[in-house]
Amino acid sequence: MNLLYKLLNKIFHNSFKSGLVDLMTSLKQEGLIVGKNFKIQEQVIIDSAFPWLITIGDNVTLAPRVHILAHDGSTRKFAGYTKIGKVNIGNRVFVGSSTTILPGVSIGNNVVIGTGSVVTRDIPDNTVAAGNPARVLCSMDDFLLRKRKELEIYPCFGEEYLAGACDDALRAEIVEKIHNRYGYIK
């Protein structure tokens, strides 16, 4: 079973990466600017109608189902025009899954955007923001301090526990050690 899972996982990731390379190449040819060490996960949508209005910095990760929009078509039917706006994402940014970033928004450097957020206005440097609409919750320093304390309390697991490498015994160990709470994995 584990071997079959690994094989299917490899096939899926290879076809996903191949399709992603094609998509990113096309968007870059249309003007999308992307920095170094950009990571994108499955089902991310980057506005293909106006990619030249989007700039993404270095060391940025977009979790699954993130949407980055540089236009708002809701105005077209009623006003005859589509609203457009630049989107700038700084360096060292993590955007949580199912987040939507709307046109005209800048996200600063060293920022975490929480899962399911709708970013409707600028997010400053060195902050953590979340919600609908997204708002600043705390500074990055406060967030990291809280997470470092959690690392001392909750169980931590190495890379051998990651999906695809993890066998039934390691999975059972994770379930036992997190006690319906949290843990961290490298």
N, C-alpha and C. Protein backbone atom coordinates (compact mmCIF):
# COMPACT_ATOMS: atom_id res chain seq x y z
N MET A 1 0.83 -1.20 0.00
CA MET A 1 0.00 0.00 0.00
C MET A 1 0.87 1.26 0.00
N ASN A 2 1.89 1.27 0.85
CA ASN A 2 2.76 2.44 0.94
C ASN A 2 3.50 2.67 -0.38
N LEU A 3 3.91 1.59 -1.05
CA LEU A 3 4.60 1.71 -2.33
C LEU A 3 3.66 2.27 -3.39
N LEU A 4 2.42 1.81 -3.42
CA LEU A 4 1.43 2.32 -4.36
C LEU A 4 1.18 3.81 -4.10
N TYR A 5 1.05 4.18 -2.84
CA TYR A 5 0.84 5.58 -2.48
C TYR A 5 2.00 6.43 -2.98
N LYS A 6 3.23 5.97 -2.74
CA LYS A 6 4.41 6.72 -3.18
C LYS A 6 4.42 6.89 -4.70
N LEU A 7 4.08 5.83 -5.43
CA LEU A 7 4.06 5.87 -6.88
C LEU A 7 3.01 6.86 -7.39
N LEU A 8 1.79 6.76 -6.86
CA LEU A 8 0.73 7.68 -7.27
C LEU A 8 1.06 9.12 -6.89
N ASN A 9 1.64 9.30 -5.72
CA ASN A 9 2.05 10.63 -5.28
C ASN A 9 3.09 11.22 -6.23
N LYS A 10 4.05 10.41 -6.65
CA LYS A 10 5.10 10.86 -7.56
C LYS A 10 4.50 11.24 -8.92
N ILE A 11 3.60 10.41 -9.43
CA ILE A 11 2.96 10.69 -10.72
C ILE A 11 2.17 12.00 -10.63
N PHE A 12 1.38 12.16 -9.55
CA PHE A 12 0.59 13.38 -9.38
C PHE A 12 1.49 14.60 -9.32
N HIS A 13 2.52 14.54 -8.48
CA HIS A 13 3.39 15.71 -8.32
C HIS A 13 4.16 16.02 -9.59
N ASN A 14 4.58 15.00 -10.33
CA ASN A 14 5.29 15.26 -11.59
C ASN A 14 4.38 15.92 -12.61
N SER A 15 3.12 15.45 -12.73
CA SER A 15 2.21 16.07 -13.69
C SER A 15 1.80 17.46 -13.21
N PHE A 16 1.63 17.64 -11.88
CA PHE A 16 1.31 18.95 -11.32
C PHE A 16 2.45 19.92 -11.61
N LYS A 17 3.69 19.49 -11.35
CA LYS A 17 4.84 20.36 -11.57
C LYS A 17 4.99 20.70 -13.05
N SER A 18 4.73 19.75 -13.93
CA SER A 18 4.82 19.99 -15.36
C SER A 18 3.80 21.03 -15.80
N GLY A 19 2.55 20.88 -15.34
CA GLY A 19 1.51 21.83 -15.67
C GLY A 19 1.79 23.20 -15.07
N LEU A 20 2.35 23.18 -13.87
CA LEU A 20 2.69 24.43 -13.19
C LEU A 20 3.79 25.18 -13.93
N VAL A 21 4.79 24.46 -14.39
CA VAL A 21 5.87 25.10 -15.15
C VAL A 21 5.31 25.76 -16.40
N ASP A 22 4.41 25.06 -17.10
CA ASP A 22 3.78 25.63 -18.30
C ASP A 22 2.97 26.88 -17.95
N LEU A 23 2.19 26.81 -16.87
CA LEU A 23 1.37 27.95 -16.45
C LEU A 23 2.25 29.13 -16.08
N MET A 24 3.27 28.90 -15.26
CA MET A 24 4.14 29.99 -14.82
C MET A 24 4.90 30.59 -15.99
N THR A 25 5.34 29.76 -16.92
CA THR A 25 6.03 30.27 -18.11
C THR A 25 5.12 31.19 -18.90
N SER A 26 3.88 30.77 -19.08
CA SER A 26 2.89 31.58 -19.81
C SER A 26 2.62 32.90 -19.10
N LEU A 27 2.42 32.85 -17.77
CA LEU A 27 2.14 34.07 -17.02
C LEU A 27 3.33 35.02 -17.04
N LYS A 28 4.54 34.48 -16.94
CA LYS A 28 5.75 35.31 -16.99
C LYS A 28 5.90 35.96 -18.37
N GLN A 29 5.57 35.22 -19.42
CA GLN A 29 5.62 35.79 -20.77
C GLN A 29 4.64 36.94 -20.92
N GLU A 30 3.56 36.89 -20.14
CA GLU A 30 2.55 37.95 -20.17
C GLU A 30 2.86 39.09 -19.19
N GLY A 31 4.00 38.99 -18.48
CA GLY A 31 4.43 40.10 -17.64
C GLY A 31 4.44 39.88 -16.14
N LEU A 32 4.01 38.72 -15.66
CA LEU A 32 4.08 38.41 -14.23
C LEU A 32 5.54 38.47 -13.80
N ILE A 33 5.80 39.15 -12.68
CA ILE A 33 7.16 39.21 -12.14
C ILE A 33 7.19 38.37 -10.87
N VAL A 34 8.13 37.41 -10.85
CA VAL A 34 8.26 36.50 -9.72
C VAL A 34 9.72 36.46 -9.30
N GLY A 35 9.97 36.55 -7.98
CA GLY A 35 11.32 36.51 -7.45
C GLY A 35 11.86 35.09 -7.30
N LYS A 36 13.00 35.01 -6.64
CA LYS A 36 13.67 33.72 -6.42
C LYS A 36 12.96 32.92 -5.33
N ASN A 37 13.08 31.61 -5.42
CA ASN A 37 12.57 30.68 -4.41
C ASN A 37 11.07 30.85 -4.19
N PHE A 38 10.34 31.01 -5.28
CA PHE A 38 8.88 31.14 -5.26
C PHE A 38 8.29 29.74 -5.25
N LYS A 39 7.40 29.47 -4.29
CA LYS A 39 6.77 28.15 -4.18
C LYS A 39 5.26 28.33 -4.30
N ILE A 40 4.70 27.48 -5.14
CA ILE A 40 3.26 27.54 -5.41
C ILE A 40 2.71 26.13 -5.26
N GLN A 41 1.58 26.00 -4.60
CA GLN A 41 0.98 24.69 -4.41
C GLN A 41 -0.26 24.54 -5.29
N GLU A 42 -0.92 23.40 -5.19
CA GLU A 42 -1.99 23.07 -6.13
C GLU A 42 -3.18 24.02 -6.05
N GLN A 43 -3.82 24.17 -7.19
CA GLN A 43 -5.06 24.93 -7.38
C GLN A 43 -4.92 26.43 -7.10
N VAL A 44 -3.70 26.95 -7.18
CA VAL A 44 -3.49 28.39 -7.05
C VAL A 44 -3.92 29.05 -8.36
N ILE A 45 -4.59 30.19 -8.25
CA ILE A 45 -5.00 30.94 -9.43
C ILE A 45 -4.32 32.31 -9.37
N ILE A 46 -3.54 32.59 -10.38
CA ILE A 46 -2.94 33.92 -10.54
C ILE A 46 -3.61 34.53 -11.76
N ASP A 47 -4.18 35.69 -11.61
CA ASP A 47 -4.98 36.35 -12.63
C ASP A 47 -4.31 36.29 -14.01
N SER A 48 -4.84 35.48 -14.89
CA SER A 48 -4.26 35.33 -16.23
C SER A 48 -4.70 36.43 -17.18
N ALA A 49 -5.70 37.22 -16.78
CA ALA A 49 -6.15 38.33 -17.63
C ALA A 49 -5.22 39.54 -17.52
N PHE A 50 -4.60 39.71 -16.35
CA PHE A 50 -3.74 40.89 -16.12
C PHE A 50 -2.48 40.52 -15.33
N PRO A 51 -1.74 39.50 -15.77
CA PRO A 51 -0.57 39.09 -14.97
C PRO A 51 0.51 40.16 -14.87
N TRP A 52 0.58 41.09 -15.82
CA TRP A 52 1.60 42.14 -15.79
C TRP A 52 1.37 43.15 -14.66
N LEU A 53 0.23 43.06 -14.00
CA LEU A 53 -0.04 43.93 -12.86
C LEU A 53 0.36 43.29 -11.53
N ILE A 54 0.94 42.08 -11.59
CA ILE A 54 1.26 41.33 -10.37
C ILE A 54 2.77 41.16 -10.24
N THR A 55 3.27 41.50 -9.05
CA THR A 55 4.68 41.31 -8.72
C THR A 55 4.76 40.51 -7.43
N ILE A 56 5.55 39.44 -7.47
CA ILE A 56 5.73 38.56 -6.31
C ILE A 56 7.22 38.51 -6.00
N GLY A 57 7.59 38.78 -4.76
CA GLY A 57 9.00 38.86 -4.36
C GLY A 57 9.68 37.52 -4.16
N ASP A 58 10.85 37.58 -3.51
CA ASP A 58 11.66 36.39 -3.22
C ASP A 58 11.10 35.65 -2.00
N ASN A 59 11.30 34.33 -2.01
CA ASN A 59 10.95 33.48 -0.85
C ASN A 59 9.48 33.61 -0.46
N VAL A 60 8.62 33.50 -1.46
CA VAL A 60 7.18 33.58 -1.24
C VAL A 60 6.58 32.19 -1.46
N THR A 61 5.67 31.80 -0.57
CA THR A 61 4.94 30.54 -0.71
C THR A 61 3.45 30.85 -0.78
N LEU A 62 2.80 30.31 -1.81
CA LEU A 62 1.34 30.37 -1.94
C LEU A 62 0.80 28.98 -1.67
N ALA A 63 0.06 28.82 -0.59
CA ALA A 63 -0.52 27.53 -0.22
C ALA A 63 -1.65 27.17 -1.19
N PRO A 64 -2.21 25.96 -1.08
CA PRO A 64 -3.27 25.55 -2.02
C PRO A 64 -4.46 26.51 -2.07
N ARG A 65 -4.98 26.69 -3.27
CA ARG A 65 -6.21 27.44 -3.55
C ARG A 65 -6.11 28.94 -3.29
N VAL A 66 -4.90 29.49 -3.24
CA VAL A 66 -4.75 30.95 -3.15
C VAL A 66 -5.17 31.55 -4.49
N HIS A 67 -5.89 32.65 -4.46
CA HIS A 67 -6.28 33.38 -5.66
C HIS A 67 -5.69 34.79 -5.58
N ILE A 68 -4.99 35.19 -6.63
CA ILE A 68 -4.47 36.55 -6.73
C ILE A 68 -5.17 37.19 -7.92
N LEU A 69 -5.95 38.23 -7.64
CA LEU A 69 -6.73 38.89 -8.68
C LEU A 69 -6.23 40.31 -8.90
N ALA A 70 -6.02 40.67 -10.14
CA ALA A 70 -5.63 42.04 -10.50
C ALA A 70 -6.79 42.77 -11.16
N HIS A 71 -7.95 42.14 -11.20
CA HIS A 71 -9.13 42.81 -11.75
C HIS A 71 -10.38 42.41 -10.99
N ASP A 72 -11.40 43.26 -11.10
CA ASP A 72 -12.69 43.02 -10.48
C ASP A 72 -13.75 43.22 -11.56
N GLY A 73 -14.24 42.13 -12.10
CA GLY A 73 -15.20 42.18 -13.20
C GLY A 73 -16.62 42.56 -12.80
N SER A 74 -16.88 42.69 -11.49
CA SER A 74 -18.25 42.99 -11.06
C SER A 74 -18.72 44.36 -11.53
N THR A 75 -17.81 45.25 -11.83
CA THR A 75 -18.19 46.60 -12.25
C THR A 75 -18.53 46.68 -13.74
N ARG A 76 -18.09 45.71 -14.51
CA ARG A 76 -18.25 45.75 -15.97
C ARG A 76 -19.72 45.81 -16.39
N LYS A 77 -20.52 44.93 -15.83
CA LYS A 77 -21.92 44.83 -16.24
C LYS A 77 -22.70 46.12 -15.94
N PHE A 78 -22.35 46.77 -14.84
CA PHE A 78 -23.14 47.92 -14.39
C PHE A 78 -22.51 49.27 -14.74
N ALA A 79 -21.18 49.33 -14.80
CA ALA A 79 -20.51 50.60 -15.07
C ALA A 79 -19.84 50.63 -16.43
N GLY A 80 -19.79 49.48 -17.09
CA GLY A 80 -19.17 49.40 -18.41
C GLY A 80 -17.66 49.27 -18.39
N TYR A 81 -17.06 49.22 -17.21
CA TYR A 81 -15.62 49.08 -17.06
C TYR A 81 -15.29 48.03 -16.02
N THR A 82 -14.14 47.39 -16.22
CA THR A 82 -13.62 46.45 -15.23
C THR A 82 -12.56 47.16 -14.40
N LYS A 83 -12.69 47.07 -13.11
CA LYS A 83 -11.71 47.67 -12.20
C LYS A 83 -10.43 46.83 -12.25
N ILE A 84 -9.28 47.49 -12.38
CA ILE A 84 -7.99 46.79 -12.35
C ILE A 84 -7.09 47.46 -11.32
N GLY A 85 -6.12 46.71 -10.82
CA GLY A 85 -5.18 47.27 -9.85
C GLY A 85 -3.97 46.40 -9.70
N LYS A 86 -2.84 47.03 -9.38
CA LYS A 86 -1.61 46.28 -9.16
C LYS A 86 -1.70 45.48 -7.88
N VAL A 87 -1.01 44.34 -7.88
CA VAL A 87 -0.85 43.53 -6.67
C VAL A 87 0.64 43.34 -6.48
N ASN A 88 1.12 43.73 -5.31
CA ASN A 88 2.53 43.57 -4.98
C ASN A 88 2.65 42.73 -3.72
N ILE A 89 3.42 41.66 -3.82
CA ILE A 89 3.68 40.80 -2.67
C ILE A 89 5.18 40.87 -2.41
N GLY A 90 5.56 41.25 -1.20
CA GLY A 90 6.96 41.45 -0.85
C GLY A 90 7.76 40.16 -0.73
N ASN A 91 8.89 40.25 -0.06
CA ASN A 91 9.79 39.12 0.16
C ASN A 91 9.45 38.42 1.48
N ARG A 92 9.73 37.12 1.52
CA ARG A 92 9.50 36.30 2.72
C ARG A 92 8.05 36.40 3.18
N VAL A 93 7.16 35.97 2.29
CA VAL A 93 5.72 36.02 2.57
C VAL A 93 5.16 34.61 2.44
N PHE A 94 4.31 34.23 3.39
CA PHE A 94 3.56 32.99 3.31
C PHE A 94 2.09 33.36 3.25
N VAL A 95 1.39 32.87 2.22
CA VAL A 95 -0.04 33.12 2.06
C VAL A 95 -0.76 31.79 2.28
N GLY A 96 -1.58 31.73 3.32
CA GLY A 96 -2.28 30.50 3.70
C GLY A 96 -3.33 30.07 2.69
N SER A 97 -3.70 28.80 2.77
CA SER A 97 -4.62 28.21 1.80
C SER A 97 -5.97 28.93 1.75
N SER A 98 -6.56 28.90 0.58
CA SER A 98 -7.89 29.48 0.32
C SER A 98 -7.97 30.97 0.61
N THR A 99 -6.85 31.65 0.45
CA THR A 99 -6.83 33.10 0.63
C THR A 99 -7.05 33.77 -0.72
N THR A 100 -7.76 34.89 -0.73
CA THR A 100 -7.96 35.68 -1.93
C THR A 100 -7.30 37.05 -1.72
N ILE A 101 -6.48 37.44 -2.69
CA ILE A 101 -5.83 38.75 -2.67
C ILE A 101 -6.46 39.56 -3.79
N LEU A 102 -7.06 40.69 -3.44
CA LEU A 102 -7.81 41.51 -4.39
C LEU A 102 -6.92 42.56 -5.06
N PRO A 103 -7.39 43.13 -6.18
CA PRO A 103 -6.60 44.13 -6.89
C PRO A 103 -6.32 45.38 -6.05
N GLY A 104 -5.16 45.98 -6.33
CA GLY A 104 -4.79 47.22 -5.65
C GLY A 104 -4.18 47.02 -4.29
N VAL A 105 -3.75 45.80 -3.97
CA VAL A 105 -3.24 45.48 -2.64
C VAL A 105 -1.72 45.28 -2.68
N SER A 106 -1.05 45.79 -1.64
CA SER A 106 0.37 45.50 -1.43
C SER A 106 0.52 44.77 -0.11
N ILE A 107 1.29 43.69 -0.15
CA ILE A 107 1.62 42.93 1.05
C ILE A 107 3.12 43.14 1.27
N GLY A 108 3.49 43.58 2.45
CA GLY A 108 4.88 43.92 2.76
C GLY A 108 5.80 42.71 2.84
N ASN A 109 7.00 42.96 3.33
CA ASN A 109 8.01 41.92 3.54
C ASN A 109 7.80 41.27 4.91
N ASN A 110 8.19 39.99 5.00
CA ASN A 110 8.11 39.24 6.27
C ASN A 110 6.69 39.23 6.81
N VAL A 111 5.79 38.66 6.02
CA VAL A 111 4.37 38.66 6.36
C VAL A 111 3.82 37.24 6.27
N VAL A 112 2.92 36.91 7.18
CA VAL A 112 2.12 35.68 7.10
C VAL A 112 0.67 36.11 6.96
N ILE A 113 0.01 35.56 5.95
CA ILE A 113 -1.43 35.77 5.76
C ILE A 113 -2.12 34.46 6.13
N GLY A 114 -3.03 34.50 7.08
CA GLY A 114 -3.69 33.30 7.58
C GLY A 114 -4.64 32.67 6.57
N THR A 115 -4.87 31.40 6.74
CA THR A 115 -5.76 30.61 5.90
C THR A 115 -7.15 31.24 5.79
N GLY A 116 -7.69 31.24 4.56
CA GLY A 116 -9.05 31.70 4.32
C GLY A 116 -9.25 33.19 4.36
N SER A 117 -8.17 33.94 4.33
CA SER A 117 -8.28 35.40 4.40
C SER A 117 -8.70 36.00 3.07
N VAL A 118 -9.27 37.19 3.15
CA VAL A 118 -9.56 37.99 1.97
C VAL A 118 -8.81 39.31 2.18
N VAL A 119 -7.75 39.49 1.39
CA VAL A 119 -6.90 40.67 1.55
C VAL A 119 -7.46 41.78 0.67
N THR A 120 -8.06 42.79 1.32
CA THR A 120 -8.74 43.88 0.62
C THR A 120 -7.96 45.19 0.71
N ARG A 121 -6.96 45.23 1.59
CA ARG A 121 -6.16 46.45 1.77
C ARG A 121 -4.72 46.06 2.07
N ASP A 122 -3.84 47.05 2.03
CA ASP A 122 -2.42 46.81 2.22
C ASP A 122 -2.13 46.20 3.59
N ILE A 123 -1.13 45.31 3.60
CA ILE A 123 -0.65 44.67 4.84
C ILE A 123 0.80 45.12 5.02
N PRO A 124 1.13 45.74 6.17
CA PRO A 124 2.49 46.26 6.35
C PRO A 124 3.54 45.18 6.59
N ASP A 125 4.80 45.58 6.48
CA ASP A 125 5.93 44.70 6.76
C ASP A 125 5.85 44.11 8.17
N ASN A 126 6.45 42.92 8.32
CA ASN A 126 6.67 42.31 9.64
C ASN A 126 5.40 42.10 10.45
N THR A 127 4.36 41.61 9.78
CA THR A 127 3.09 41.40 10.48
C THR A 127 2.48 40.05 10.10
N VAL A 128 1.51 39.66 10.92
CA VAL A 128 0.66 38.50 10.64
C VAL A 128 -0.74 39.05 10.51
N ALA A 129 -1.42 38.69 9.42
CA ALA A 129 -2.77 39.18 9.17
C ALA A 129 -3.67 38.01 8.81
N ALA A 130 -4.95 38.13 9.14
CA ALA A 130 -5.91 37.08 8.80
C ALA A 130 -7.32 37.66 8.88
N GLY A 131 -8.26 36.94 8.30
CA GLY A 131 -9.66 37.30 8.41
C GLY A 131 -10.27 37.73 7.09
N ASN A 132 -11.57 38.03 7.17
CA ASN A 132 -12.32 38.50 6.02
C ASN A 132 -13.13 39.72 6.45
N PRO A 133 -12.63 40.91 6.13
CA PRO A 133 -11.38 41.21 5.44
C PRO A 133 -10.18 41.00 6.36
N ALA A 134 -9.02 40.74 5.74
CA ALA A 134 -7.81 40.51 6.51
C ALA A 134 -7.44 41.76 7.28
N ARG A 135 -7.01 41.56 8.52
CA ARG A 135 -6.52 42.66 9.34
C ARG A 135 -5.28 42.17 10.09
N VAL A 136 -4.43 43.09 10.48
CA VAL A 136 -3.22 42.74 11.21
C VAL A 136 -3.60 42.21 12.59
N LEU A 137 -3.04 41.04 12.92
CA LEU A 137 -3.31 40.42 14.22
C LEU A 137 -2.18 40.67 15.21
N CYS A 138 -0.94 40.63 14.71
CA CYS A 138 0.22 40.82 15.59
C CYS A 138 1.45 41.08 14.73
N SER A 139 2.52 41.42 15.41
CA SER A 139 3.79 41.60 14.71
C SER A 139 4.41 40.24 14.43
N MET A 140 5.31 40.19 13.48
CA MET A 140 6.01 38.94 13.19
C MET A 140 6.83 38.50 14.40
N ASP A 141 7.43 39.44 15.13
CA ASP A 141 8.21 39.11 16.32
C ASP A 141 7.33 38.41 17.36
N ASP A 142 6.13 38.94 17.62
CA ASP A 142 5.22 38.31 18.58
C ASP A 142 4.80 36.93 18.12
N PHE A 143 4.51 36.80 16.84
CA PHE A 143 4.11 35.51 16.27
C PHE A 143 5.22 34.47 16.45
N LEU A 144 6.46 34.85 16.10
CA LEU A 144 7.58 33.91 16.20
C LEU A 144 7.90 33.56 17.65
N LEU A 145 7.77 34.49 18.55
CA LEU A 145 7.97 34.21 19.97
C LEU A 145 6.97 33.17 20.46
N ARG A 146 5.71 33.35 20.09
CA ARG A 146 4.65 32.40 20.47
C ARG A 146 4.93 31.02 19.88
N LYS A 147 5.36 30.97 18.61
CA LYS A 147 5.63 29.69 17.97
C LYS A 147 6.86 29.00 18.58
N ARG A 148 7.89 29.77 18.95
CA ARG A 148 9.07 29.18 19.60
C ARG A 148 8.69 28.55 20.93
N LYS A 149 7.80 29.20 21.68
CA LYS A 149 7.33 28.63 22.95
C LYS A 149 6.56 27.33 22.70
N GLU A 150 5.76 27.31 21.64
CA GLU A 150 5.02 26.10 21.30
C GLU A 150 5.96 24.96 20.94
N LEU A 151 7.07 25.27 20.26
CA LEU A 151 8.04 24.24 19.89
C LEU A 151 8.65 23.57 21.11
N GLU A 152 8.68 24.27 22.23
CA GLU A 152 9.19 23.70 23.48
C GLU A 152 8.16 22.80 24.16
N ILE A 153 6.89 23.02 23.86
CA ILE A 153 5.80 22.31 24.53
C ILE A 153 5.30 21.12 23.71
N TYR A 154 5.08 21.34 22.43
CA TYR A 154 4.44 20.33 21.59
C TYR A 154 5.48 19.42 20.94
N PRO A 155 5.07 18.19 20.58
CA PRO A 155 6.03 17.26 19.96
C PRO A 155 6.48 17.75 18.57
N CYS A 156 7.74 17.49 18.27
CA CYS A 156 8.31 17.85 16.97
C CYS A 156 8.75 16.57 16.26
N PHE A 157 8.52 16.54 14.96
CA PHE A 157 8.82 15.36 14.15
C PHE A 157 9.74 15.75 13.01
N GLY A 158 10.61 14.81 12.59
CA GLY A 158 11.55 15.05 11.50
C GLY A 158 10.93 14.81 10.13
N GLU A 159 11.74 14.98 9.10
CA GLU A 159 11.27 14.85 7.72
C GLU A 159 10.79 13.44 7.38
N GLU A 160 11.25 12.45 8.13
CA GLU A 160 10.81 11.07 7.86
C GLU A 160 9.32 10.88 8.14
N TYR A 161 8.69 11.86 8.77
CA TYR A 161 7.26 11.79 9.07
C TYR A 161 6.40 12.45 7.99
N LEU A 162 7.01 13.03 6.98
CA LEU A 162 6.25 13.69 5.93
C LEU A 162 5.46 12.69 5.09
N ALA A 163 4.33 13.14 4.55
CA ALA A 163 3.51 12.29 3.68
C ALA A 163 4.35 11.78 2.52
N GLY A 164 4.16 10.54 2.18
CA GLY A 164 4.94 9.92 1.11
C GLY A 164 6.14 9.15 1.64
N ALA A 165 6.71 9.61 2.75
CA ALA A 165 7.85 8.93 3.36
C ALA A 165 7.42 8.21 4.63
N CYS A 166 6.30 8.59 5.15
CA CYS A 166 5.82 8.13 6.45
C CYS A 166 5.07 6.79 6.32
N ASP A 167 5.49 5.80 7.12
CA ASP A 167 4.79 4.51 7.11
C ASP A 167 3.72 4.49 8.20
N ASP A 168 3.00 3.38 8.30
CA ASP A 168 1.89 3.27 9.25
C ASP A 168 2.35 3.47 10.69
N ALA A 169 3.52 2.94 11.04
CA ALA A 169 4.02 3.06 12.41
C ALA A 169 4.31 4.52 12.76
N LEU A 170 4.92 5.26 11.83
CA LEU A 170 5.22 6.67 12.09
C LEU A 170 3.94 7.50 12.16
N ARG A 171 2.95 7.16 11.32
CA ARG A 171 1.66 7.86 11.37
C ARG A 171 1.01 7.65 12.74
N ALA A 172 1.03 6.39 13.21
CA ALA A 172 0.44 6.07 14.52
C ALA A 172 1.16 6.82 15.64
N GLU A 173 2.47 6.96 15.52
CA GLU A 173 3.25 7.69 16.52
C GLU A 173 2.82 9.17 16.57
N ILE A 174 2.63 9.77 15.40
CA ILE A 174 2.17 11.16 15.37
C ILE A 174 0.81 11.29 16.06
N VAL A 175 -0.12 10.41 15.69
CA VAL A 175 -1.46 10.46 16.26
C VAL A 175 -1.40 10.32 17.78
N GLU A 176 -0.58 9.41 18.26
CA GLU A 176 -0.46 9.19 19.70
C GLU A 176 0.15 10.40 20.41
N LYS A 177 1.18 10.98 19.84
CA LYS A 177 1.91 12.04 20.52
C LYS A 177 1.21 13.40 20.49
N ILE A 178 0.38 13.66 19.49
CA ILE A 178 -0.24 14.98 19.47
C ILE A 178 -1.50 15.06 20.32
N HIS A 179 -2.03 13.94 20.77
CA HIS A 179 -3.16 13.93 21.72
C HIS A 179 -4.27 14.90 21.35
N ASN A 180 -4.75 14.85 20.13
CA ASN A 180 -5.81 15.74 19.67
C ASN A 180 -5.45 17.23 19.79
N ARG A 181 -4.19 17.54 19.78
CA ARG A 181 -3.73 18.93 19.84
C ARG A 181 -2.84 19.19 18.65
N TYR A 182 -1.66 19.69 18.91
CA TYR A 182 -0.75 20.10 17.84
C TYR A 182 0.57 19.36 17.95
N GLY A 183 1.30 19.47 16.88
CA GLY A 183 2.68 19.06 16.81
C GLY A 183 3.32 19.86 15.68
N TYR A 184 4.60 19.69 15.51
CA TYR A 184 5.32 20.37 14.43
C TYR A 184 6.14 19.36 13.66
N ILE A 185 6.25 19.56 12.37
CA ILE A 185 7.03 18.66 11.52
C ILE A 185 8.04 19.48 10.73
N LYS A 186 9.23 18.95 10.57
CA LYS A 186 10.31 19.67 9.90
C LYS A 186 10.06 19.79 8.42
